[in-house]
């Protein structure tokens, strides 16, 4: 089981979360990500859904955090990185850019 945990921590989770700093994740995508992670965690612990072992207990057993928590931490790390940039940097300018004018009323036309 230890080998599976190392493999998961070093390869699977890092591959799944690659580039997650800049993602905008919707609730349904969070749920899908959590389901996929729990499927892997159950496989590593040799536990089936039928056994009704709580997810929190399985994560504690393996010593890993919830994937949504890691996703949020990655996003905040990226945000802090952008905030530390100089004012002349293009990324910082994009964050503070004010769009002139207003949007037209109603639904956009379908081209």
PDB file of N, CA and C in Angstrom:
ATOM      1  N   UNK A   1       0.819  -1.189   0.000  1.00  0.00           N
ATOM      2  CA  UNK A   1       0.000   0.000   0.000  1.00  0.00           C
ATOM      3  C   UNK A   1       0.869   1.261   0.000  1.00  0.00           C
ATOM      4  N   UNK A   2       2.020   1.221   0.634  1.00  0.00           N
ATOM      5  CA  UNK A   2       2.896   2.382   0.701  1.00  0.00           C
ATOM      6  C   UNK A   2       3.369   2.773  -0.696  1.00  0.00           C
ATOM      7  N   UNK A   3       3.665   1.772  -1.528  1.00  0.00           N
ATOM      8  CA  UNK A   3       4.093   2.062  -2.892  1.00  0.00           C
ATOM      9  C   UNK A   3       2.988   2.766  -3.672  1.00  0.00           C
ATOM     10  N   UNK A   4       1.740   2.331  -3.437  1.00  0.00           N
ATOM     11  CA  UNK A   4       0.612   2.948  -4.126  1.00  0.00           C
ATOM     12  C   UNK A   4       0.459   4.409  -3.710  1.00  0.00           C
ATOM     13  N   UNK A   5       0.655   4.691  -2.425  1.00  0.00           N
ATOM     14  CA  UNK A   5       0.536   6.067  -1.927  1.00  0.00           C
ATOM     15  C   UNK A   5       1.614   6.939  -2.539  1.00  0.00           C
ATOM     16  N   UNK A   6       2.826   6.445  -2.594  1.00  0.00           N
ATOM     17  CA  UNK A   6       3.923   7.209  -3.194  1.00  0.00           C
ATOM     18  C   UNK A   6       3.652   7.472  -4.666  1.00  0.00           C
ATOM     19  N   UNK A   7       3.180   6.454  -5.374  1.00  0.00           N
ATOM     20  CA  UNK A   7       2.849   6.605  -6.786  1.00  0.00           C
ATOM     21  C   UNK A   7       1.749   7.635  -6.967  1.00  0.00           C
ATOM     22  N   UNK A   8       0.736   7.566  -6.133  1.00  0.00           N
ATOM     23  CA  UNK A   8      -0.372   8.516  -6.228  1.00  0.00           C
ATOM     24  C   UNK A   8       0.096   9.936  -5.953  1.00  0.00           C
ATOM     25  N   UNK A   9       0.835  10.122  -4.873  1.00  0.00           N
ATOM     26  CA  UNK A   9       1.282  11.465  -4.487  1.00  0.00           C
ATOM     27  C   UNK A   9       2.223  12.071  -5.514  1.00  0.00           C
ATOM     28  N   UNK A  10       3.139  11.276  -6.036  1.00  0.00           N
ATOM     29  CA  UNK A  10       4.155  11.824  -6.936  1.00  0.00           C
ATOM     30  C   UNK A  10       3.689  11.918  -8.384  1.00  0.00           C
ATOM     31  N   UNK A  11       2.895  10.977  -8.847  1.00  0.00           N
ATOM     32  CA  UNK A  11       2.537  10.951 -10.267  1.00  0.00           C
ATOM     33  C   UNK A  11       1.096  11.353 -10.544  1.00  0.00           C
ATOM     34  N   UNK A  12       0.168  10.623  -9.960  1.00  0.00           N
ATOM     35  CA  UNK A  12      -1.239  10.796 -10.321  1.00  0.00           C
ATOM     36  C   UNK A  12      -1.750  12.175  -9.926  1.00  0.00           C
ATOM     37  N   UNK A  13      -1.591  12.528  -8.649  1.00  0.00           N
ATOM     38  CA  UNK A  13      -2.136  13.803  -8.182  1.00  0.00           C
ATOM     39  C   UNK A  13      -1.465  14.985  -8.867  1.00  0.00           C
ATOM     40  N   UNK A  14      -0.150  14.910  -9.057  1.00  0.00           N
ATOM     41  CA  UNK A  14       0.537  16.020  -9.719  1.00  0.00           C
ATOM     42  C   UNK A  14       0.109  16.134 -11.186  1.00  0.00           C
ATOM     43  N   UNK A  15      -0.186  15.008 -11.834  1.00  0.00           N
ATOM     44  CA  UNK A  15      -0.659  15.050 -13.222  1.00  0.00           C
ATOM     45  C   UNK A  15      -2.067  15.619 -13.304  1.00  0.00           C
ATOM     46  N   UNK A  16      -2.918  15.219 -12.372  1.00  0.00           N
ATOM     47  CA  UNK A  16      -4.300  15.690 -12.373  1.00  0.00           C
ATOM     48  C   UNK A  16      -4.361  17.188 -12.107  1.00  0.00           C
ATOM     49  N   UNK A  17      -3.522  17.677 -11.210  1.00  0.00           N
ATOM     50  CA  UNK A  17      -3.571  19.083 -10.817  1.00  0.00           C
ATOM     51  C   UNK A  17      -2.604  19.975 -11.603  1.00  0.00           C
ATOM     52  N   UNK A  18      -1.980  19.440 -12.645  1.00  0.00           N
ATOM     53  CA  UNK A  18      -1.016  20.228 -13.426  1.00  0.00           C
ATOM     54  C   UNK A  18      -1.706  21.452 -14.030  1.00  0.00           C
ATOM     55  N   UNK A  19      -1.183  22.615 -13.740  1.00  0.00           N
ATOM     56  CA  UNK A  19      -1.741  23.844 -14.276  1.00  0.00           C
ATOM     57  C   UNK A  19      -2.976  24.340 -13.553  1.00  0.00           C
ATOM     58  N   UNK A  20      -3.298  23.736 -12.416  1.00  0.00           N
ATOM     59  CA  UNK A  20      -4.542  24.077 -11.718  1.00  0.00           C
ATOM     60  C   UNK A  20      -4.517  25.465 -11.089  1.00  0.00           C
ATOM     61  N   UNK A  21      -3.355  26.104 -11.080  1.00  0.00           N
ATOM     62  CA  UNK A  21      -3.259  27.433 -10.477  1.00  0.00           C
ATOM     63  C   UNK A  21      -4.156  28.415 -11.211  1.00  0.00           C
ATOM     64  N   UNK A  22      -4.325  28.243 -12.498  1.00  0.00           N
ATOM     65  CA  UNK A  22      -5.060  29.217 -13.295  1.00  0.00           C
ATOM     66  C   UNK A  22      -6.456  28.731 -13.678  1.00  0.00           C
ATOM     67  N   UNK A  23      -6.893  27.598 -13.185  1.00  0.00           N
ATOM     68  CA  UNK A  23      -8.217  27.075 -13.520  1.00  0.00           C
ATOM     69  C   UNK A  23      -9.307  27.863 -12.829  1.00  0.00           C
ATOM     70  N   UNK A  24     -10.425  27.967 -13.513  1.00  0.00           N
ATOM     71  CA  UNK A  24     -11.654  28.417 -12.860  1.00  0.00           C
ATOM     72  C   UNK A  24     -12.545  27.184 -12.819  1.00  0.00           C
ATOM     73  N   UNK A  25     -12.697  26.591 -11.656  1.00  0.00           N
ATOM     74  CA  UNK A  25     -13.386  25.309 -11.535  1.00  0.00           C
ATOM     75  C   UNK A  25     -14.812  25.527 -11.069  1.00  0.00           C
ATOM     76  N   UNK A  26     -15.750  24.983 -11.819  1.00  0.00           N
ATOM     77  CA  UNK A  26     -17.151  25.032 -11.422  1.00  0.00           C
ATOM     78  C   UNK A  26     -17.441  23.908 -10.446  1.00  0.00           C
ATOM     79  N   UNK A  27     -18.574  24.023  -9.771  1.00  0.00           N
ATOM     80  CA  UNK A  27     -18.938  23.053  -8.733  1.00  0.00           C
ATOM     81  C   UNK A  27     -19.044  21.637  -9.299  1.00  0.00           C
ATOM     82  N   UNK A  28     -19.660  21.483 -10.478  1.00  0.00           N
ATOM     83  CA  UNK A  28     -19.814  20.137 -11.051  1.00  0.00           C
ATOM     84  C   UNK A  28     -18.469  19.531 -11.429  1.00  0.00           C
ATOM     85  N   UNK A  29     -17.506  20.379 -11.821  1.00  0.00           N
ATOM     86  CA  UNK A  29     -16.168  19.875 -12.124  1.00  0.00           C
ATOM     87  C   UNK A  29     -15.430  19.482 -10.854  1.00  0.00           C
ATOM     88  N   UNK A  30     -15.662  20.227  -9.763  1.00  0.00           N
ATOM     89  CA  UNK A  30     -15.075  19.862  -8.472  1.00  0.00           C
ATOM     90  C   UNK A  30     -15.571  18.494  -8.037  1.00  0.00           C
ATOM     91  N   UNK A  31     -16.864  18.276  -8.200  1.00  0.00           N
ATOM     92  CA  UNK A  31     -17.462  16.997  -7.796  1.00  0.00           C
ATOM     93  C   UNK A  31     -16.873  15.857  -8.619  1.00  0.00           C
ATOM     94  N   UNK A  32     -16.724  16.060  -9.924  1.00  0.00           N
ATOM     95  CA  UNK A  32     -16.150  15.019 -10.787  1.00  0.00           C
ATOM     96  C   UNK A  32     -14.709  14.725 -10.392  1.00  0.00           C
ATOM     97  N   UNK A  33     -13.956  15.769 -10.058  1.00  0.00           N
ATOM     98  CA  UNK A  33     -12.565  15.606  -9.637  1.00  0.00           C
ATOM     99  C   UNK A  33     -12.490  14.828  -8.317  1.00  0.00           C
ATOM    100  N   UNK A  34     -13.381  15.155  -7.394  1.00  0.00           N
ATOM    101  CA  UNK A  34     -13.408  14.457  -6.111  1.00  0.00           C
ATOM    102  C   UNK A  34     -13.777  12.990  -6.288  1.00  0.00           C
ATOM    103  N   UNK A  35     -14.750  12.723  -7.158  1.00  0.00           N
ATOM    104  CA  UNK A  35     -15.153  11.329  -7.398  1.00  0.00           C
ATOM    105  C   UNK A  35     -13.999  10.508  -7.964  1.00  0.00           C
ATOM    106  N   UNK A  36     -13.303  11.094  -8.933  1.00  0.00           N
ATOM    107  CA  UNK A  36     -12.177  10.387  -9.541  1.00  0.00           C
ATOM    108  C   UNK A  36     -11.098  10.114  -8.505  1.00  0.00           C
ATOM    109  N   UNK A  37     -10.825  11.112  -7.652  1.00  0.00           N
ATOM    110  CA  UNK A  37      -9.806  10.917  -6.623  1.00  0.00           C
ATOM    111  C   UNK A  37     -10.226   9.830  -5.636  1.00  0.00           C
ATOM    112  N   UNK A  38     -11.487   9.844  -5.220  1.00  0.00           N
ATOM    113  CA  UNK A  38     -11.940   8.859  -4.240  1.00  0.00           C
ATOM    114  C   UNK A  38     -11.933   7.453  -4.828  1.00  0.00           C
ATOM    115  N   UNK A  39     -12.163   7.344  -6.123  1.00  0.00           N
ATOM    116  CA  UNK A  39     -12.083   6.033  -6.766  1.00  0.00           C
ATOM    117  C   UNK A  39     -10.665   5.471  -6.651  1.00  0.00           C
ATOM    118  N   UNK A  40      -9.676   6.341  -6.866  1.00  0.00           N
ATOM    119  CA  UNK A  40      -8.276   5.934  -6.750  1.00  0.00           C
ATOM    120  C   UNK A  40      -7.924   5.616  -5.305  1.00  0.00           C
ATOM    121  N   UNK A  41      -8.406   6.462  -4.375  1.00  0.00           N
ATOM    122  CA  UNK A  41      -8.117   6.253  -2.946  1.00  0.00           C
ATOM    123  C   UNK A  41      -8.713   4.924  -2.476  1.00  0.00           C
ATOM    124  N   UNK A  42      -9.935   4.629  -2.891  1.00  0.00           N
ATOM    125  CA  UNK A  42     -10.547   3.342  -2.503  1.00  0.00           C
ATOM    126  C   UNK A  42      -9.754   2.169  -3.070  1.00  0.00           C
ATOM    127  N   UNK A  43      -9.269   2.318  -4.306  1.00  0.00           N
ATOM    128  CA  UNK A  43      -8.472   1.257  -4.917  1.00  0.00           C
ATOM    129  C   UNK A  43      -7.191   1.033  -4.121  1.00  0.00           C
ATOM    130  N   UNK A  44      -6.562   2.132  -3.682  1.00  0.00           N
ATOM    131  CA  UNK A  44      -5.313   2.007  -2.928  1.00  0.00           C
ATOM    132  C   UNK A  44      -5.546   1.331  -1.579  1.00  0.00           C
ATOM    133  N   UNK A  45      -6.714   1.585  -0.971  1.00  0.00           N
ATOM    134  CA  UNK A  45      -7.003   1.007   0.350  1.00  0.00           C
ATOM    135  C   UNK A  45      -7.683  -0.352   0.254  1.00  0.00           C
ATOM    136  N   UNK A  46      -7.939  -0.815  -0.944  1.00  0.00           N
ATOM    137  CA  UNK A  46      -8.652  -2.076  -1.141  1.00  0.00           C
ATOM    138  C   UNK A  46     -10.020  -2.064  -0.477  1.00  0.00           C
ATOM    139  N   UNK A  47     -10.748  -0.967  -0.646  1.00  0.00           N
ATOM    140  CA  UNK A  47     -12.065  -0.799  -0.043  1.00  0.00           C
ATOM    141  C   UNK A  47     -13.059  -0.559  -1.160  1.00  0.00           C
ATOM    142  N   UNK A  48     -14.222  -1.174  -1.056  1.00  0.00           N
ATOM    143  CA  UNK A  48     -15.277  -0.964  -2.033  1.00  0.00           C
ATOM    144  C   UNK A  48     -16.296   0.018  -1.460  1.00  0.00           C
ATOM    145  N   UNK A  49     -17.097   0.612  -2.322  1.00  0.00           N
ATOM    146  CA  UNK A  49     -18.122   1.555  -1.875  1.00  0.00           C
ATOM    147  C   UNK A  49     -19.114   0.833  -0.963  1.00  0.00           C
ATOM    148  N   UNK A  50     -19.341  -0.444  -1.248  1.00  0.00           N
ATOM    149  CA  UNK A  50     -20.258  -1.264  -0.448  1.00  0.00           C
ATOM    150  C   UNK A  50     -19.845  -1.337   1.018  1.00  0.00           C
ATOM    151  N   UNK A  51     -18.540  -1.239   1.282  1.00  0.00           N
ATOM    152  CA  UNK A  51     -18.038  -1.331   2.653  1.00  0.00           C
ATOM    153  C   UNK A  51     -18.405  -0.112   3.494  1.00  0.00           C
ATOM    154  N   UNK A  52     -18.831   0.972   2.836  1.00  0.00           N
ATOM    155  CA  UNK A  52     -19.302   2.197   3.507  1.00  0.00           C
ATOM    156  C   UNK A  52     -18.292   2.778   4.495  1.00  0.00           C
ATOM    157  N   UNK A  53     -17.046   2.867   4.060  1.00  0.00           N
ATOM    158  CA  UNK A  53     -16.001   3.509   4.868  1.00  0.00           C
ATOM    159  C   UNK A  53     -15.956   4.976   4.457  1.00  0.00           C
ATOM    160  N   UNK A  54     -16.024   5.917   5.398  1.00  0.00           N
ATOM    161  CA  UNK A  54     -16.033   7.342   5.040  1.00  0.00           C
ATOM    162  C   UNK A  54     -14.756   7.770   4.310  1.00  0.00           C
ATOM    163  N   UNK A  55     -14.929   8.691   3.384  1.00  0.00           N
ATOM    164  CA  UNK A  55     -13.804   9.202   2.595  1.00  0.00           C
ATOM    165  C   UNK A  55     -12.746   9.843   3.482  1.00  0.00           C
ATOM    166  N   UNK A  56     -13.208  10.565   4.489  1.00  0.00           N
ATOM    167  CA  UNK A  56     -12.282  11.246   5.398  1.00  0.00           C
ATOM    168  C   UNK A  56     -11.369  10.237   6.086  1.00  0.00           C
ATOM    169  N   UNK A  57     -11.930   9.126   6.495  1.00  0.00           N
ATOM    170  CA  UNK A  57     -11.140   8.079   7.163  1.00  0.00           C
ATOM    171  C   UNK A  57     -10.104   7.480   6.208  1.00  0.00           C
ATOM    172  N   UNK A  58     -10.502   7.273   4.953  1.00  0.00           N
ATOM    173  CA  UNK A  58      -9.561   6.711   3.978  1.00  0.00           C
ATOM    174  C   UNK A  58      -8.414   7.676   3.703  1.00  0.00           C
ATOM    175  N   UNK A  59      -8.732   8.972   3.601  1.00  0.00           N
ATOM    176  CA  UNK A  59      -7.677   9.959   3.376  1.00  0.00           C
ATOM    177  C   UNK A  59      -6.728  10.034   4.567  1.00  0.00           C
ATOM    178  N   UNK A  60      -7.278   9.940   5.785  1.00  0.00           N
ATOM    179  CA  UNK A  60      -6.425   9.939   6.983  1.00  0.00           C
ATOM    180  C   UNK A  60      -5.522   8.719   7.003  1.00  0.00           C
ATOM    181  N   UNK A  61      -6.071   7.584   6.602  1.00  0.00           N
ATOM    182  CA  UNK A  61      -5.296   6.349   6.550  1.00  0.00           C
ATOM    183  C   UNK A  61      -4.081   6.488   5.633  1.00  0.00           C
ATOM    184  N   UNK A  62      -4.287   7.189   4.509  1.00  0.00           N
ATOM    185  CA  UNK A  62      -3.205   7.360   3.541  1.00  0.00           C
ATOM    186  C   UNK A  62      -2.357   8.601   3.819  1.00  0.00           C
ATOM    187  N   UNK A  63      -2.867   9.506   4.630  1.00  0.00           N
ATOM    188  CA  UNK A  63      -2.127  10.718   4.949  1.00  0.00           C
ATOM    189  C   UNK A  63      -2.140  11.747   3.840  1.00  0.00           C
ATOM    190  N   UNK A  64      -3.260  11.850   3.114  1.00  0.00           N
ATOM    191  CA  UNK A  64      -3.372  12.833   2.029  1.00  0.00           C
ATOM    192  C   UNK A  64      -4.529  13.791   2.322  1.00  0.00           C
ATOM    193  N   UNK A  65      -4.458  14.986   1.735  1.00  0.00           N
ATOM    194  CA  UNK A  65      -5.498  15.992   1.902  1.00  0.00           C
ATOM    195  C   UNK A  65      -6.529  15.871   0.798  1.00  0.00           C
ATOM    196  N   UNK A  66      -7.653  16.530   1.002  1.00  0.00           N
ATOM    197  CA  UNK A  66      -8.720  16.565   0.007  1.00  0.00           C
ATOM    198  C   UNK A  66      -8.215  17.299  -1.240  1.00  0.00           C
ATOM    199  N   UNK A  67      -8.574  16.815  -2.406  1.00  0.00           N
ATOM    200  CA  UNK A  67      -8.065  17.381  -3.652  1.00  0.00           C
ATOM    201  C   UNK A  67      -8.603  18.792  -3.891  1.00  0.00           C
ATOM    202  N   UNK A  68      -9.798  19.094  -3.407  1.00  0.00           N
ATOM    203  CA  UNK A  68     -10.365  20.436  -3.566  1.00  0.00           C
ATOM    204  C   UNK A  68      -9.587  21.441  -2.729  1.00  0.00           C
ATOM    205  N   UNK A  69      -9.164  21.027  -1.549  1.00  0.00           N
ATOM    206  CA  UNK A  69      -8.344  21.892  -0.697  1.00  0.00           C
ATOM    207  C   UNK A  69      -7.017  22.217  -1.390  1.00  0.00           C
ATOM    208  N   UNK A  70      -6.398  21.215  -1.989  1.00  0.00           N
ATOM    209  CA  UNK A  70      -5.145  21.413  -2.720  1.00  0.00           C
ATOM    210  C   UNK A  70      -5.369  22.337  -3.909  1.00  0.00           C
ATOM    211  N   UNK A  71      -6.490  22.172  -4.593  1.00  0.00           N
ATOM    212  CA  UNK A  71      -6.835  23.004  -5.737  1.00  0.00           C
ATOM    213  C   UNK A  71      -6.963  24.467  -5.318  1.00  0.00           C
ATOM    214  N   UNK A  72      -7.619  24.725  -4.195  1.00  0.00           N
ATOM    215  CA  UNK A  72      -7.773  26.089  -3.690  1.00  0.00           C
ATOM    216  C   UNK A  72      -6.426  26.679  -3.277  1.00  0.00           C
ATOM    217  N   UNK A  73      -5.589  25.882  -2.645  1.00  0.00           N
ATOM    218  CA  UNK A  73      -4.264  26.362  -2.240  1.00  0.00           C
ATOM    219  C   UNK A  73      -3.420  26.735  -3.450  1.00  0.00           C
ATOM    220  N   UNK A  74      -3.506  25.934  -4.508  1.00  0.00           N
ATOM    221  CA  UNK A  74      -2.761  26.234  -5.730  1.00  0.00           C
ATOM    222  C   UNK A  74      -3.226  27.554  -6.339  1.00  0.00           C
ATOM    223  N   UNK A  75      -4.542  27.766  -6.361  1.00  0.00           N
ATOM    224  CA  UNK A  75      -5.079  29.010  -6.903  1.00  0.00           C
ATOM    225  C   UNK A  75      -4.629  30.218  -6.101  1.00  0.00           C
ATOM    226  N   UNK A  76      -4.637  30.095  -4.774  1.00  0.00           N
ATOM    227  CA  UNK A  76      -4.202  31.208  -3.926  1.00  0.00           C
ATOM    228  C   UNK A  76      -2.708  31.471  -4.077  1.00  0.00           C
ATOM    229  N   UNK A  77      -1.923  30.416  -4.263  1.00  0.00           N
ATOM    230  CA  UNK A  77      -0.494  30.592  -4.465  1.00  0.00           C
ATOM    231  C   UNK A  77      -0.242  31.399  -5.738  1.00  0.00           C
ATOM    232  N   UNK A  78      -0.973  31.075  -6.801  1.00  0.00           N
ATOM    233  CA  UNK A  78      -0.828  31.797  -8.060  1.00  0.00           C
ATOM    234  C   UNK A  78      -1.267  33.261  -7.899  1.00  0.00           C
ATOM    235  N   UNK A  79      -2.366  33.489  -7.198  1.00  0.00           N
ATOM    236  CA  UNK A  79      -2.875  34.836  -6.991  1.00  0.00           C
ATOM    237  C   UNK A  79      -1.864  35.689  -6.221  1.00  0.00           C
ATOM    238  N   UNK A  80      -1.274  35.109  -5.179  1.00  0.00           N
ATOM    239  CA  UNK A  80      -0.243  35.838  -4.424  1.00  0.00           C
ATOM    240  C   UNK A  80       0.958  36.149  -5.308  1.00  0.00           C
ATOM    241  N   UNK A  81       1.303  35.234  -6.200  1.00  0.00           N
ATOM    242  CA  UNK A  81       2.411  35.430  -7.136  1.00  0.00           C
ATOM    243  C   UNK A  81       2.142  36.640  -8.035  1.00  0.00           C
ATOM    244  N   UNK A  82       0.922  36.729  -8.542  1.00  0.00           N
ATOM    245  CA  UNK A  82       0.555  37.837  -9.418  1.00  0.00           C
ATOM    246  C   UNK A  82       0.542  39.152  -8.644  1.00  0.00           C
ATOM    247  N   UNK A  83       0.064  39.136  -7.411  1.00  0.00           N
ATOM    248  CA  UNK A  83       0.015  40.357  -6.603  1.00  0.00           C
ATOM    249  C   UNK A  83       1.414  40.901  -6.304  1.00  0.00           C
ATOM    250  N   UNK A  84       2.405  40.038  -6.218  1.00  0.00           N
ATOM    251  CA  UNK A  84       3.760  40.477  -5.912  1.00  0.00           C
ATOM    252  C   UNK A  84       4.475  41.076  -7.123  1.00  0.00           C
ATOM    253  N   UNK A  85       3.924  40.903  -8.311  1.00  0.00           N
ATOM    254  CA  UNK A  85       4.583  41.410  -9.519  1.00  0.00           C
ATOM    255  C   UNK A  85       4.600  42.940  -9.522  1.00  0.00           C
ATOM    256  N   UNK A  86       5.506  43.488 -10.316  1.00  0.00           N
ATOM    257  CA  UNK A  86       5.612  44.940 -10.433  1.00  0.00           C
ATOM    258  C   UNK A  86       4.416  45.490 -11.207  1.00  0.00           C
ATOM    259  N   UNK A  87       4.137  46.763 -10.986  1.00  0.00           N
ATOM    260  CA  UNK A  87       2.992  47.397 -11.628  1.00  0.00           C
ATOM    261  C   UNK A  87       3.140  47.437 -13.150  1.00  0.00           C
ATOM    262  N   UNK A  88       4.363  47.452 -13.655  1.00  0.00           N
ATOM    263  CA  UNK A  88       4.593  47.540 -15.097  1.00  0.00           C
ATOM    264  C   UNK A  88       4.393  46.205 -15.807  1.00  0.00           C
ATOM    265  N   UNK A  89       4.276  45.119 -15.083  1.00  0.00           N
ATOM    266  CA  UNK A  89       4.098  43.795 -15.686  1.00  0.00           C
ATOM    267  C   UNK A  89       2.721  43.696 -16.336  1.00  0.00           C
ATOM    268  N   UNK A  90       2.631  43.035 -17.485  1.00  0.00           N
ATOM    269  CA  UNK A  90       1.384  42.956 -18.235  1.00  0.00           C
ATOM    270  C   UNK A  90       0.299  42.212 -17.465  1.00  0.00           C
ATOM    271  N   UNK A  91       0.682  41.215 -16.700  1.00  0.00           N
ATOM    272  CA  UNK A  91      -0.308  40.440 -15.958  1.00  0.00           C
ATOM    273  C   UNK A  91      -0.954  41.292 -14.868  1.00  0.00           C
ATOM    274  N   UNK A  92      -0.154  42.075 -14.207  1.00  0.00           N
ATOM    275  CA  UNK A  92      -0.660  42.972 -13.176  1.00  0.00           C
ATOM    276  C   UNK A  92      -1.574  44.025 -13.806  1.00  0.00           C
ATOM    277  N   UNK A  93      -1.204  44.526 -14.994  1.00  0.00           N
ATOM    278  CA  UNK A  93      -2.038  45.495 -15.690  1.00  0.00           C
ATOM    279  C   UNK A  93      -3.390  44.890 -16.069  1.00  0.00           C
ATOM    280  N   UNK A  94      -3.375  43.632 -16.478  1.00  0.00           N
ATOM    281  CA  UNK A  94      -4.630  42.962 -16.847  1.00  0.00           C
ATOM    282  C   UNK A  94      -5.560  42.833 -15.647  1.00  0.00           C
ATOM    283  N   UNK A  95      -5.003  42.593 -14.472  1.00  0.00           N
ATOM    284  CA  UNK A  95      -5.829  42.466 -13.272  1.00  0.00           C
ATOM    285  C   UNK A  95      -6.507  43.772 -12.909  1.00  0.00           C
ATOM    286  N   UNK A  96      -5.834  44.878 -13.165  1.00  0.00           N
ATOM    287  CA  UNK A  96      -6.351  46.168 -12.747  1.00  0.00           C
ATOM    288  C   UNK A  96      -6.974  46.959 -13.898  1.00  0.00           C
ATOM    289  N   UNK A  97      -7.192  46.317 -15.039  1.00  0.00           N
ATOM    290  CA  UNK A  97      -7.731  46.986 -16.212  1.00  0.00           C
ATOM    291  C   UNK A  97      -9.218  47.268 -16.030  1.00  0.00           C
ATOM    292  N   UNK A  98      -9.631  48.491 -16.338  1.00  0.00           N
ATOM    293  CA  UNK A  98     -11.034  48.893 -16.280  1.00  0.00           C
ATOM    294  C   UNK A  98     -11.557  48.999 -17.710  1.00  0.00           C
ATOM    295  N   UNK A  99     -12.624  48.288 -18.015  1.00  0.00           N
ATOM    296  CA  UNK A  99     -13.206  48.319 -19.352  1.00  0.00           C
ATOM    297  C   UNK A  99     -14.111  49.544 -19.454  1.00  0.00           C
ATOM    298  N   UNK A 100     -13.950  50.310 -20.524  1.00  0.00           N
ATOM    299  CA  UNK A 100     -14.769  51.504 -20.723  1.00  0.00           C
ATOM    300  C   UNK A 100     -16.086  51.130 -21.370  1.00  0.00           C
ATOM    301  N   UNK A 101     -17.114  51.900 -21.082  1.00  0.00           N
ATOM    302  CA  UNK A 101     -18.418  51.671 -21.685  1.00  0.00           C
ATOM    303  C   UNK A 101     -19.209  50.634 -20.907  1.00  0.00           C
ATOM    304  N   UNK A 102     -20.355  50.289 -21.479  1.00  0.00           N
ATOM    305  CA  UNK A 102     -21.203  49.293 -20.817  1.00  0.00           C
ATOM    306  C   UNK A 102     -21.616  48.232 -21.826  1.00  0.00           C
ATOM    307  N   UNK A 103     -22.040  47.118 -21.315  1.00  0.00           N
ATOM    308  CA  UNK A 103     -22.485  46.034 -22.187  1.00  0.00           C
ATOM    309  C   UNK A 103     -23.889  46.325 -22.688  1.00  0.00           C
ATOM    310  N   UNK A 104     -24.220  45.885 -23.893  1.00  0.00           N
ATOM    311  CA  UNK A 104     -25.589  46.085 -24.376  1.00  0.00           C
ATOM    312  C   UNK A 104     -26.579  45.232 -23.583  1.00  0.00           C
ATOM    313  N   UNK A 105     -27.817  45.683 -23.536  1.00  0.00           N
ATOM    314  CA  UNK A 105     -28.838  44.941 -22.798  1.00  0.00           C
ATOM    315  C   UNK A 105     -29.233  43.684 -23.554  1.00  0.00           C
ATOM    316  N   UNK A 106     -29.701  42.720 -22.816  1.00  0.00           N
ATOM    317  CA  UNK A 106     -30.272  41.523 -23.442  1.00  0.00           C
ATOM    318  C   UNK A 106     -29.237  40.455 -23.770  1.00  0.00           C
ATOM    319  N   UNK A 107     -29.764  39.421 -24.390  1.00  0.00           N
ATOM    320  CA  UNK A 107     -28.943  38.277 -24.754  1.00  0.00           C
ATOM    321  C   UNK A 107     -28.147  38.570 -26.022  1.00  0.00           C
ATOM    322  N   UNK A 108     -26.888  38.077 -26.096  1.00  0.00           N
ATOM    323  CA  UNK A 108     -26.088  38.315 -27.299  1.00  0.00           C
ATOM    324  C   UNK A 108     -26.699  37.620 -28.530  1.00  0.00           C
ATOM    325  N   UNK A 109     -26.477  38.193 -29.707  1.00  0.00           N
ATOM    326  CA  UNK A 109     -26.981  37.588 -30.936  1.00  0.00           C
ATOM    327  C   UNK A 109     -26.191  36.337 -31.280  1.00  0.00           C
ATOM    328  N   UNK A 110     -26.836  35.410 -31.981  1.00  0.00           N
ATOM    329  CA  UNK A 110     -26.223  34.126 -32.307  1.00  0.00           C
ATOM    330  C   UNK A 110     -25.452  34.140 -33.625  1.00  0.00           C
ATOM    331  N   UNK A 111     -24.844  35.200 -33.993  1.00  0.00           N
ATOM    332  CA  UNK A 111     -24.078  35.395 -35.236  1.00  0.00           C
ATOM    333  C   UNK A 111     -24.795  34.982 -36.491  1.00  0.00           C
TER     334      UNK A 111
END
